Amino acid sequence: MKVVVTGAAGKIGRWTVRTILEAGHDVIATDRLLREESASKKFIQADLRDYGQVIQLLQGCDAVVHLGNIPTDVRNTSQAIFENNMLVNFNILEACKDLKIAKLVWASSETVLGYPFKPGDLSYLPLDEEHPTTVKSSYAMAKRLTEILSDMFYKLTKAQIVSLRFANIYEPDEYEKMPIMHWKDDGQKNIQKKNVWAYCDVRDAAKACLLAIEKDNLGIETFHITAPDTIMPDLSKDLVDRYFPDVSLKRTIQGHETLMAIDKARKILGYEPRYTWRSVLNNDGTTKKLPEDQLALSKTNI
C-alpha cells in the first residue's frame, strides 16, 4: 500500500513511519516541521490547515495514518489547539472523501472519556469504548468532535475510518523517569488517577496504526490503545479500591492490567502490546540490565 503518515516528525509519527516501512509499504511522511532524518525518503513539509496542500499530499494514496495534531500542551492556548486541530482533522476527512481513499486511521485520545478523571466522572471500570464521553478541554473537544465527524464521513463514503484512543505515550528511554514522576509518594499516585494510570509504549502505538491499515472491512471503529498494564507497581484492583472506591467494576480486574480496556483492539485488530516498563524497571524503581540495542532506536531520535 501507499500510505501517507501525517505528524511524521512527532513522537508516535516517527515510529509509525518506520513500522509501516518495515512491513513493506510505501510511506509518504509529512509534518509542518522538516524532518530530514526521517526513516522515509519521501518526506514532505506541509501545512494541513491548507486544503490544497492536503489534496496534493493524499493524491494517489491507499491509506492515511493521521497523527498531525497539536498535542495538549502548555505551550499552546486552548483556542490555538482547537482551531488548528479541528481544521486539520476536517481537511483530512474531507480530502479522503473527495479522493475516495479507502482507509483512514487517526489518533484520538483517552481525554474524550473525561480526563482528568475524578471518581464521580466514571460510570464503571475498566473503561471500554462504550463508556460515556465527557470532555473538559479544547483538546478533548476537538478529538471528540472528530470522532463524531468520522461517523458522518463514514455514512457519506462507507470508507474504513478507525479512531485510536491513545494514552500517555512513552518512548523506551523514558521509562527510567517513571519512579520520580509517578511513584515517589502517594500524592503522585493520586495525581496519576487522572487517566486511570494508563500509558502506551510508542512501539505498540505504531503497531496499532499498522494493524488498523492492514485490516480490511472494519467500517467505522474506535479502539483503546494502551500498554497491557498500568504505570504503577501496585495491583490494579488495589488502585481502584483506594482511589475509585465507589466506581463499579464491569468485570473482574486481574493483576496489573490496564484500566483502559484493550479487549476490543485485541479481538478485532489483533493488537497485543509487547512493551511495558516492567521489562525495564524493577518494582523498586531500579533499572534492569538491558541490551543496548533495545534502546538504540529511540536514541537515534528517528
Foldseek 3Di string as FASTA:
>chain_A
DEEEEEPLLDDLNLLLVVVLVVVPYQYAYEYCDDDCPRPHPRYDYDQLLDLVRLLVRCAPGQEYEYEHADDPDPVDDLVVRLVRLLSSLVSNLVSCQVRVHQYYEYEAALQQQPFQDALVSWQAWLAEPPTHGDHDTSNNVSRVVSLVVLVVSCVVRVGHYEYEHAYAEDEPVCLLCLCVQANVDVVSVLSCCRSLQWYAYSNLVSVLSVLRSVDPDPRYYYFYHTAQFGSAPDFSVVSCCVRNVPHHHPDDGDGRGGGNDGVVCCVRSVRDGDDDSVVAADNVSDGDDDDPVVNVVVVVSD
